[in-house]
Protein backbone atom coordinates (compact mmCIF):
# COMPACT_ATOMS: atom_id res chain seq x y z
CA MET A 1 -89.94 134.28 -4.25
CA VAL A 2 -87.42 136.12 -6.67
CA SER A 3 -88.73 135.36 -9.95
CA GLY A 4 -86.35 132.50 -11.88
CA THR A 5 -85.62 130.98 -8.23
CA LYS A 6 -85.97 127.39 -7.90
CA PRO A 7 -88.41 126.29 -5.03
CA GLU A 8 -85.78 124.25 -3.35
CA ASP A 9 -83.29 127.16 -3.40
CA TYR A 10 -85.82 129.50 -1.89
CA THR A 11 -86.66 127.04 1.10
CA LEU A 12 -83.13 126.47 1.91
CA GLU A 13 -82.42 130.17 2.11
CA TRP A 14 -85.44 130.46 4.69
CA VAL A 15 -84.21 127.44 6.66
CA ASN A 16 -80.79 128.95 6.88
CA GLU A 17 -82.16 132.19 8.03
CA LEU A 18 -83.98 130.07 10.80
CA ILE A 19 -80.97 128.40 11.85
CA GLU A 20 -78.89 131.70 12.15
CA GLU A 21 -81.72 133.01 14.21
CA GLY A 22 -81.25 130.16 16.63
CA ARG A 23 -84.71 128.98 16.30
CA TRP A 24 -83.47 125.69 15.17
CA LYS A 25 -80.52 124.55 17.16
CA THR A 26 -80.09 120.77 17.22
CA GLU A 27 -78.26 118.97 14.46
CA GLN A 28 -80.80 116.33 14.35
CA LEU A 29 -83.43 118.55 13.52
CA GLN A 30 -81.40 120.24 10.76
CA LYS A 31 -80.77 116.79 9.16
CA ILE A 32 -84.33 116.16 9.02
CA VAL A 33 -85.17 119.46 7.43
CA TYR A 34 -82.40 119.14 4.96
CA ARG A 35 -83.62 115.68 3.92
CA SER A 36 -87.06 116.63 3.55
CA ILE A 37 -86.04 119.58 1.17
CA ARG A 38 -83.83 116.96 -0.78
CA CYS A 39 -86.79 114.95 -1.15
CA CYS A 40 -88.91 117.79 -2.55
CA GLN A 41 -85.87 118.77 -4.90
CA LYS A 42 -85.82 114.99 -6.14
CA GLY A 43 -89.44 115.40 -6.69
CA TRP A 44 -89.16 118.60 -8.72
CA GLU A 45 -86.41 116.97 -10.89
CA ARG A 46 -88.57 114.16 -11.51
CA GLU A 47 -91.44 116.21 -12.62
CA LYS A 48 -89.09 118.01 -14.90
CA GLU A 49 -87.69 114.70 -16.31
CA ASP A 50 -91.43 113.17 -16.78
CA ALA A 51 -92.21 116.27 -18.73
CA ALA A 52 -89.16 115.92 -20.94
CA ASN A 53 -89.75 112.31 -21.81
CA LYS A 54 -93.42 112.32 -22.12
CA ILE A 55 -94.81 112.19 -25.53
CA ILE A 56 -97.50 114.88 -26.16
CA ALA A 57 -98.48 113.40 -29.71
CA LEU A 58 -97.02 111.33 -32.21
CA LEU A 59 -97.11 112.61 -35.80
CA GLY A 60 -100.10 111.30 -37.46
CA GLU A 61 -101.52 110.17 -34.16
CA PRO A 62 -105.42 109.69 -33.90
CA ASN A 63 -107.32 112.10 -31.59
CA ALA A 64 -108.44 111.50 -28.01
CA MET A 65 -105.83 108.99 -26.95
CA ASN A 66 -106.51 108.16 -23.21
CA PHE A 67 -103.13 106.67 -22.05
CA ASP A 68 -99.62 108.05 -21.57
CA GLN A 69 -96.50 107.43 -23.50
CA TYR A 70 -93.02 108.18 -22.84
CA SER A 71 -89.80 107.79 -24.91
CA GLY A 72 -86.17 108.95 -24.62
CA TYR A 73 -82.59 107.91 -23.65
CA VAL A 74 -81.19 106.06 -20.48
CA THR A 75 -77.38 106.20 -20.05
CA VAL A 76 -75.82 102.60 -19.44
CA ASP A 77 -72.14 103.95 -19.50
CA PRO A 78 -71.70 107.57 -18.78
CA LYS A 79 -67.89 107.35 -19.64
CA ALA A 80 -68.42 106.34 -22.99
CA VAL A 81 -71.76 108.51 -23.29
CA ARG A 82 -73.63 105.20 -24.25
CA ALA A 83 -77.40 105.35 -24.12
CA LEU A 84 -80.09 102.99 -25.03
CA PHE A 85 -83.42 104.35 -26.56
CA TYR A 86 -86.78 103.30 -25.30
CA TYR A 87 -90.57 103.82 -25.94
CA PHE A 88 -92.78 103.37 -22.88
CA THR A 89 -96.64 102.92 -23.23
CA GLU A 90 -98.87 102.84 -20.21
CA SER A 91 -102.10 100.96 -19.98
CA GLN A 92 -105.36 102.98 -19.25
CA ASN A 93 -105.21 101.80 -15.79
CA PRO A 94 -101.38 101.71 -15.16
CA SER A 95 -101.27 101.64 -11.39
CA THR A 96 -103.08 97.98 -11.43
CA LYS A 97 -101.06 96.59 -14.36
CA PRO A 98 -97.70 94.67 -14.05
CA LEU A 99 -94.54 96.19 -15.87
CA VAL A 100 -93.24 94.26 -19.03
CA LEU A 101 -89.88 94.80 -20.71
CA TRP A 102 -89.97 93.75 -24.52
CA LEU A 103 -86.82 92.91 -26.73
CA ASN A 104 -86.99 92.18 -30.30
CA GLY A 105 -84.61 89.59 -31.92
CA GLY A 106 -82.35 89.61 -34.90
CA PRO A 107 -79.98 90.36 -33.62
CA SER A 108 -80.75 93.68 -35.53
CA CYS A 109 -84.42 94.39 -34.99
CA SER A 110 -85.81 97.52 -33.58
CA SER A 111 -88.31 96.98 -30.67
CA LEU A 112 -89.94 100.23 -31.64
CA GLY A 113 -90.18 99.48 -35.31
CA ALA A 114 -91.27 95.82 -35.04
CA GLY A 115 -92.40 95.32 -31.47
CA ALA A 116 -94.37 98.37 -30.84
CA MET A 117 -95.26 99.31 -34.40
CA ASN A 118 -96.20 95.76 -35.80
CA GLU A 119 -97.02 93.71 -32.79
CA LEU A 120 -97.80 94.92 -29.26
CA GLY A 121 -98.06 98.61 -29.34
CA PRO A 122 -101.10 100.78 -29.49
CA PHE A 123 -100.75 101.94 -33.11
CA ARG A 124 -99.86 100.52 -36.50
CA VAL A 125 -98.60 102.52 -39.29
CA GLY A 126 -100.74 103.27 -42.28
CA LYS A 127 -99.93 102.88 -45.96
CA GLY A 128 -97.60 105.51 -47.12
CA GLY A 129 -95.89 105.91 -43.59
CA LYS A 130 -97.54 109.02 -42.62
CA MET A 131 -100.35 108.17 -40.35
CA LEU A 132 -101.01 105.97 -37.21
CA LEU A 133 -103.89 103.74 -36.88
CA ARG A 134 -105.59 103.18 -33.65
CA ILE A 135 -105.81 99.59 -32.29
CA SER A 136 -109.01 99.44 -30.63
CA THR A 137 -111.56 96.95 -31.98
CA THR A 138 -112.14 93.83 -30.06
CA ASN A 139 -110.41 91.55 -32.45
CA GLU A 140 -107.13 93.18 -32.49
CA PHE A 141 -104.23 92.69 -30.24
CA CYS A 142 -103.08 95.35 -27.99
CA VAL A 143 -101.63 94.45 -24.65
CA LEU A 144 -100.96 98.24 -23.84
CA LYS A 145 -104.94 99.14 -23.45
CA ILE A 146 -105.71 96.02 -21.70
CA VAL A 147 -103.31 94.07 -19.77
CA ALA A 148 -99.82 95.67 -19.16
CA ASN A 149 -97.36 98.67 -19.19
CA ILE A 150 -94.76 97.81 -21.56
CA ILE A 151 -91.16 99.17 -22.12
CA PHE A 152 -90.03 98.64 -25.70
CA LEU A 153 -86.06 98.73 -25.42
CA GLU A 154 -83.98 99.20 -28.70
CA SER A 155 -81.22 96.57 -28.22
CA PRO A 156 -78.64 95.51 -28.64
CA ALA A 157 -76.42 98.76 -28.75
CA GLY A 158 -76.34 100.05 -32.41
CA VAL A 159 -80.14 99.21 -33.03
CA GLY A 160 -82.67 101.86 -33.75
CA PHE A 161 -81.99 105.23 -32.22
CA PHE A 162 -79.16 104.12 -29.96
CA TYR A 163 -76.21 106.46 -29.77
CA SER A 164 -72.79 106.39 -28.25
CA ASN A 165 -69.58 108.72 -28.60
CA THR A 166 -67.34 105.57 -28.52
CA SER A 167 -66.98 103.63 -31.83
CA SER A 168 -66.06 100.42 -30.16
CA ASP A 169 -69.71 100.36 -28.70
CA TYR A 170 -70.96 99.50 -32.25
CA ILE A 171 -69.05 96.23 -31.88
CA ILE A 172 -71.53 94.27 -29.65
CA GLY A 173 -72.12 90.79 -28.53
CA GLU A 174 -74.60 88.77 -26.12
CA THR A 175 -72.67 89.55 -22.98
CA LYS A 176 -72.53 93.27 -23.56
CA THR A 177 -76.13 93.26 -24.63
CA VAL A 178 -77.28 91.46 -21.29
CA THR A 179 -75.42 93.86 -19.11
CA ASP A 180 -76.46 96.94 -20.88
CA ALA A 181 -80.04 95.64 -20.71
CA TYR A 182 -79.79 95.34 -16.87
CA THR A 183 -78.12 98.44 -16.42
CA PHE A 184 -81.04 100.21 -18.40
CA LEU A 185 -83.70 98.60 -16.45
CA VAL A 186 -82.09 99.53 -13.17
CA ASN A 187 -81.55 103.19 -14.28
CA TRP A 188 -85.02 103.13 -15.75
CA LEU A 189 -86.63 102.18 -12.74
CA GLU A 190 -85.02 105.14 -10.76
CA LYS A 191 -86.61 107.47 -13.31
CA PHE A 192 -90.20 105.92 -12.96
CA LEU A 193 -90.16 105.04 -9.25
CA GLU A 194 -93.78 104.00 -9.00
CA TYR A 195 -92.71 100.79 -11.09
CA LYS A 196 -89.76 99.98 -8.86
CA THR A 197 -91.64 97.40 -6.75
CA ARG A 198 -94.17 96.57 -9.48
CA ASP A 199 -94.61 92.91 -10.81
CA PHE A 200 -92.19 92.77 -13.62
CA LEU A 201 -92.13 90.21 -16.46
CA MET A 202 -89.35 89.79 -18.95
CA THR A 203 -90.50 89.22 -22.68
CA GLY A 204 -88.88 88.98 -26.16
CA GLN A 205 -89.13 87.24 -29.40
CA SER A 206 -86.89 85.32 -31.77
CA TYR A 207 -83.22 86.00 -31.26
CA ALA A 208 -84.20 87.54 -27.86
CA GLY A 209 -84.47 83.80 -26.88
CA HIS A 210 -80.74 84.26 -26.14
CA TYR A 211 -80.82 87.57 -24.50
CA VAL A 212 -83.87 86.87 -22.26
CA PRO A 213 -82.75 83.61 -20.48
CA GLN A 214 -79.33 85.29 -19.78
CA LEU A 215 -80.90 88.70 -18.50
CA VAL A 216 -83.35 86.82 -16.33
CA GLN A 217 -80.28 85.04 -14.93
CA LEU A 218 -78.47 88.13 -14.17
CA ILE A 219 -81.60 89.47 -12.56
CA LEU A 220 -81.89 86.61 -10.24
CA HIS A 221 -78.47 86.71 -9.37
CA ASN A 222 -78.22 90.51 -8.70
CA ASN A 223 -81.35 90.43 -6.62
CA LYS A 224 -79.45 88.44 -4.05
CA ILE A 225 -76.74 90.99 -3.62
CA THR A 226 -76.82 93.58 -0.88
CA ASN A 227 -77.42 97.20 -2.14
CA GLN A 228 -78.72 96.07 -5.59
CA THR A 229 -81.94 97.32 -6.93
CA VAL A 230 -84.30 94.25 -6.37
CA ILE A 231 -86.33 93.71 -9.47
CA ASN A 232 -89.77 92.07 -8.79
CA LEU A 233 -89.35 89.39 -11.38
CA LYS A 234 -92.53 87.21 -11.84
CA GLY A 235 -91.79 85.26 -15.19
CA LEU A 236 -90.35 85.40 -18.70
CA ALA A 237 -92.08 84.57 -22.03
CA VAL A 238 -90.19 84.38 -25.44
CA GLY A 239 -92.14 84.35 -28.37
CA PHE A 240 -90.82 82.24 -31.51
CA LEU A 241 -87.90 81.31 -29.44
CA PHE A 242 -84.52 80.92 -31.18
CA LEU A 243 -82.81 78.16 -29.19
CA GLU A 244 -80.85 76.31 -31.85
CA SER A 245 -80.94 75.91 -35.50
CA SER A 246 -81.69 72.77 -37.13
CA ILE A 247 -80.27 69.33 -35.76
CA GLY A 248 -77.82 68.91 -38.78
CA ILE A 249 -76.45 72.46 -38.43
CA VAL A 250 -75.93 72.05 -34.68
CA SER A 251 -74.03 68.69 -35.11
CA ASN A 252 -71.69 70.16 -37.62
CA CYS A 253 -70.90 73.62 -36.09
CA ASN A 254 -68.41 74.69 -33.36
CA PHE A 255 -70.46 77.42 -31.72
CA SER A 256 -67.69 78.34 -29.40
CA SER A 257 -65.40 79.16 -32.28
CA ALA A 258 -65.06 82.62 -34.41
CA ASP A 259 -63.62 80.62 -37.46
CA PRO A 260 -65.76 80.44 -40.55
CA PRO A 261 -68.29 77.74 -40.66
CA ILE A 262 -67.11 74.34 -41.91
CA GLU A 263 -68.31 72.86 -45.41
CA ALA A 264 -70.76 70.50 -43.84
CA TYR A 265 -72.42 73.26 -42.00
CA GLN A 266 -72.58 75.44 -45.00
CA ALA A 267 -74.09 72.46 -46.97
CA TYR A 268 -76.82 72.02 -44.50
CA GLN A 269 -77.71 75.78 -44.74
CA SER A 270 -77.83 75.56 -48.68
CA GLN A 271 -80.13 72.47 -48.53
CA THR A 272 -82.53 74.28 -46.17
CA SER A 273 -82.81 77.41 -48.33
CA LEU A 274 -83.16 75.24 -51.65
CA ALA A 275 -85.70 72.98 -49.91
CA LYS A 276 -87.73 75.93 -48.49
CA GLY A 277 -87.84 78.05 -51.77
CA HIS A 278 -88.37 81.76 -52.15
CA ILE A 279 -91.21 82.22 -49.47
CA ASP A 280 -91.80 84.47 -46.57
CA SER A 281 -89.89 82.68 -43.77
CA ASN A 282 -91.91 84.46 -41.08
CA ASN A 283 -95.15 82.97 -42.54
CA ILE A 284 -94.84 80.10 -44.95
CA TYR A 285 -98.32 80.68 -46.42
CA ALA A 286 -98.25 84.32 -46.68
CA SER A 287 -97.69 86.25 -49.93
CA LEU A 288 -94.43 88.24 -50.34
CA CYS A 289 -94.43 92.05 -50.05
CA SER A 290 -93.38 92.31 -53.68
CA SER A 291 -95.85 89.61 -54.88
CA SER A 292 -98.46 90.38 -57.33
CA SER A 293 -100.76 87.70 -56.22
CA ASN A 294 -103.83 88.63 -54.04
CA THR A 295 -103.37 88.73 -50.18
CA PRO A 296 -106.02 88.31 -47.49
CA SER A 297 -107.52 91.63 -46.33
CA SER A 298 -106.87 90.70 -42.85
CA TYR A 299 -102.95 90.70 -43.37
CA ASP A 300 -100.72 93.08 -45.14
CA PRO A 301 -97.24 91.76 -45.91
CA CYS A 302 -95.70 95.15 -46.30
CA PRO A 303 -96.01 96.75 -42.70
CA ASP A 304 -92.19 97.11 -42.33
CA ASN A 305 -92.04 99.38 -45.46
CA TYR A 306 -94.63 101.86 -43.87
CA VAL A 307 -92.86 101.80 -40.58
CA TYR A 308 -89.52 102.42 -42.08
CA THR A 309 -90.78 105.43 -43.86
CA TYR A 310 -92.56 106.64 -40.73
CA LEU A 311 -89.55 106.31 -38.23
CA LYS A 312 -87.02 108.02 -40.77
CA THR A 313 -89.09 111.21 -40.84
CA HIS A 314 -87.49 114.04 -38.91
CA ALA A 315 -90.73 115.25 -37.36
CA VAL A 316 -91.71 111.50 -36.13
CA GLN A 317 -88.25 111.37 -34.55
CA LYS A 318 -88.59 114.81 -32.83
CA SER A 319 -92.07 113.66 -31.34
CA PHE A 320 -90.50 110.50 -29.93
CA HIS A 321 -87.32 112.65 -28.43
CA ALA A 322 -85.33 110.36 -30.78
CA ASN A 323 -82.02 110.77 -32.58
CA THR A 324 -81.37 114.40 -31.14
CA ILE A 325 -77.96 114.43 -32.55
CA GLY A 326 -79.26 113.87 -35.94
CA ILE A 327 -77.51 110.72 -37.13
CA PRO A 328 -78.56 109.94 -40.86
CA GLY A 329 -79.76 106.51 -41.97
CA PRO A 330 -81.86 103.73 -40.74
CA TRP A 331 -81.33 101.22 -37.93
CA LYS A 332 -78.70 98.38 -37.95
CA ASN A 333 -75.35 100.13 -37.57
CA TYR A 334 -73.27 97.70 -35.68
CA LYS A 335 -71.25 94.43 -35.88
CA TYR A 336 -72.28 91.59 -33.69
CA THR A 337 -69.17 89.81 -32.61
CA ASP A 338 -70.45 86.94 -30.26
CA THR A 339 -70.70 83.34 -31.51
CA VAL A 340 -74.29 82.05 -31.57
CA LEU A 341 -74.22 79.72 -28.44
CA PRO A 342 -77.40 77.46 -27.67
CA VAL A 343 -78.97 78.72 -24.60
CA ILE A 344 -80.32 75.26 -23.44
CA LYS A 345 -78.14 75.55 -20.24
CA GLU A 346 -79.65 78.86 -19.22
CA LEU A 347 -83.09 77.85 -19.83
CA THR A 348 -82.49 74.70 -17.57
CA SER A 349 -80.94 76.75 -14.89
CA ILE A 350 -83.98 79.02 -14.99
CA VAL A 351 -86.40 76.17 -14.93
CA LYS A 352 -84.65 74.90 -11.86
CA SER A 353 -85.01 78.46 -10.10
CA SER A 354 -87.83 79.66 -7.91
CA MET A 355 -89.08 81.92 -10.78
CA PRO A 356 -92.64 81.22 -11.34
CA GLU A 357 -92.99 80.85 -15.00
CA ASP A 358 -90.94 80.56 -18.24
CA LEU A 359 -93.17 80.51 -21.40
CA PRO A 360 -91.70 79.72 -24.89
CA ILE A 361 -94.30 80.53 -27.54
CA HIS A 362 -94.51 79.59 -31.18
CA GLY A 363 -96.70 80.26 -34.29
CA ASP A 364 -97.15 77.14 -36.26
CA ILE A 365 -96.58 78.34 -39.60
CA ASP A 366 -93.42 80.09 -38.83
CA SER A 367 -90.23 78.43 -40.47
CA VAL A 368 -87.77 81.05 -38.73
CA CYS A 369 -88.15 79.39 -35.36
CA SER A 370 -90.18 76.46 -35.97
CA VAL A 371 -92.21 74.42 -33.48
CA THR A 372 -90.41 71.04 -34.47
CA THR A 373 -87.17 72.55 -33.93
CA THR A 374 -88.02 74.03 -30.45
CA ARG A 375 -89.70 70.65 -29.21
CA TYR A 376 -86.27 68.80 -30.20
CA ALA A 377 -84.48 71.46 -28.18
CA LEU A 378 -86.77 71.36 -25.03
CA ASN A 379 -86.63 67.42 -24.99
CA LYS A 380 -83.00 68.12 -23.93
CA LEU A 381 -84.30 69.43 -20.61
CA ARG A 382 -85.83 66.07 -19.69
CA LEU A 383 -88.78 67.62 -18.14
CA SER A 384 -91.63 65.68 -16.88
CA ALA A 385 -95.26 66.93 -17.90
CA LYS A 386 -97.67 68.33 -15.34
CA THR A 387 -100.47 68.89 -17.94
CA PRO A 388 -100.06 66.78 -21.08
CA TRP A 389 -100.09 68.38 -24.59
CA HIS A 390 -103.66 69.51 -25.39
CA ALA A 391 -105.63 72.16 -27.11
CA TRP A 392 -106.43 75.64 -25.85
CA TYR A 393 -109.23 77.89 -27.12
CA THR A 394 -110.42 81.43 -27.72
CA GLN A 395 -113.51 82.81 -29.34
CA GLY A 396 -114.98 79.21 -29.55
CA GLU A 397 -111.93 77.96 -31.63
CA VAL A 398 -108.68 76.10 -30.96
CA GLY A 399 -106.17 78.78 -30.30
CA GLY A 400 -103.23 76.45 -30.55
CA TYR A 401 -101.63 73.70 -28.13
CA VAL A 402 -100.03 73.69 -24.82
CA VAL A 403 -98.00 71.25 -22.56
CA GLU A 404 -97.03 72.36 -19.09
CA TYR A 405 -93.89 71.33 -17.26
CA GLU A 406 -92.59 72.36 -13.76
CA ASN A 407 -91.82 76.10 -14.15
CA LEU A 408 -92.16 75.97 -17.87
CA THR A 409 -95.00 76.06 -20.40
CA PHE A 410 -94.66 75.49 -24.19
CA VAL A 411 -97.58 77.00 -26.11
CA THR A 412 -98.16 76.92 -30.04
CA VAL A 413 -100.49 79.56 -31.57
CA ARG A 414 -102.59 77.83 -34.50
CA GLY A 415 -102.37 79.99 -37.95
CA ALA A 416 -99.67 82.47 -36.54
CA GLY A 417 -96.18 83.15 -38.39
CA HIS A 418 -92.99 84.74 -36.64
CA LEU A 419 -94.82 87.81 -35.39
CA VAL A 420 -97.86 86.21 -33.71
CA PRO A 421 -99.71 89.26 -32.72
CA SER A 422 -99.53 90.40 -36.52
CA TYR A 423 -101.27 87.16 -37.71
CA GLN A 424 -103.53 86.18 -34.86
CA PRO A 425 -104.06 89.05 -32.56
CA ALA A 426 -107.00 87.72 -30.51
CA ARG A 427 -105.37 84.21 -29.85
CA ALA A 428 -102.26 86.32 -28.86
CA LEU A 429 -104.03 88.39 -26.55
CA THR A 430 -105.76 85.38 -24.87
CA LEU A 431 -102.40 83.85 -24.48
CA PHE A 432 -100.51 86.65 -23.10
CA SER A 433 -103.41 87.68 -20.65
CA SER A 434 -103.12 84.10 -19.29
CA PHE A 435 -99.60 84.35 -18.80
CA LEU A 436 -99.65 87.62 -16.96
CA VAL A 437 -101.93 86.19 -14.37
CA GLY A 438 -99.80 82.82 -14.23
CA LYS A 439 -102.52 80.46 -15.77
CA LEU A 440 -102.81 78.25 -18.87
CA PRO A 441 -104.61 79.50 -21.71
CA PRO A 442 -108.25 78.30 -21.68
CA SER A 443 -108.79 74.65 -22.33
CA ASN A 444 -112.64 74.90 -23.40
């Protein structure tokens, strides 16, 4: 073979010589040969792309990591050169585990910075933002190492390391967010073909309680269309689900209008803030990051600061194959234009569909998306309980409470704030492991 020649080019030259010599004469045989060569070519191209997206080692990563990581961009609009950034972590036994897509909320929160680095990923950023800490002890929550292969998607457009050559792409709303996420997923599955038929679960948190139900609806709809990629959807879970705000706010706000909020709405918002006081809304009992008070050794209130420092480092971005065009500054470079419509209608439709499981999850000391507000919202579904409200257990203690309806299970996590895995890692692991196999968390 001539140096620098691709294997498929050499093979095509050899096949053409055979055809010219008359050793292969039938058109059918020629087609078979060319198709085989094309398959080899695609495999070679896939290997090249895998090598380009595979993370060799992250800056400050501990030694002897026994799992694979990938990251990079997937184009969702070639004309606008719009691409979403992802970070993909495989389980230690990837071929036997399901595929999970994770979306953070906000809408402005990075799934890499929050979801991967503070909640579900294999590492935590150490103080100072220069090194990564391994999540490996039995009381730490790490879905990656045990139960799933997870894609952390930076969404909506404009969040994290997203880029586009079109300025209007930075004006985004729910409809565009959902269609972009669907296009991303279809295109990503073409890159990682071994996951194309794998059991797939859709997950997210907080304001992703708006994206996730709508994305699930789109998947269910498109799965019925001929010549569409069929996504093997098995369920959805939304942690700290943002369905609706407080009852007073809902009754005094026209969600379908882009006009400024009316005075009654603003009054309820002011009353809420005044009554709550200056606390961490993610965990009403936690100390503030800037507070001088003592904090429990098991929880550090300042991880966002460490993550910010780490991810803005050029060498870190390079190891993630991120920000390849060198855009300065942090995340959140967009304007969200949609009105905030309640998603009870979408949730009702999903519950009535044939999808196996819908799982809202809440920490009971979270005031951003409170247990009480979600229970009020779920009452609007008018569902009959299959399994009444009861305690579930892990490590010999009550992990929280659960009620099961038809195709929907509502679960609370005792002692958890807005980012459940950060506050109660063991309970979060028990809960998520149960969800992945379609079971209620242990009742004893």
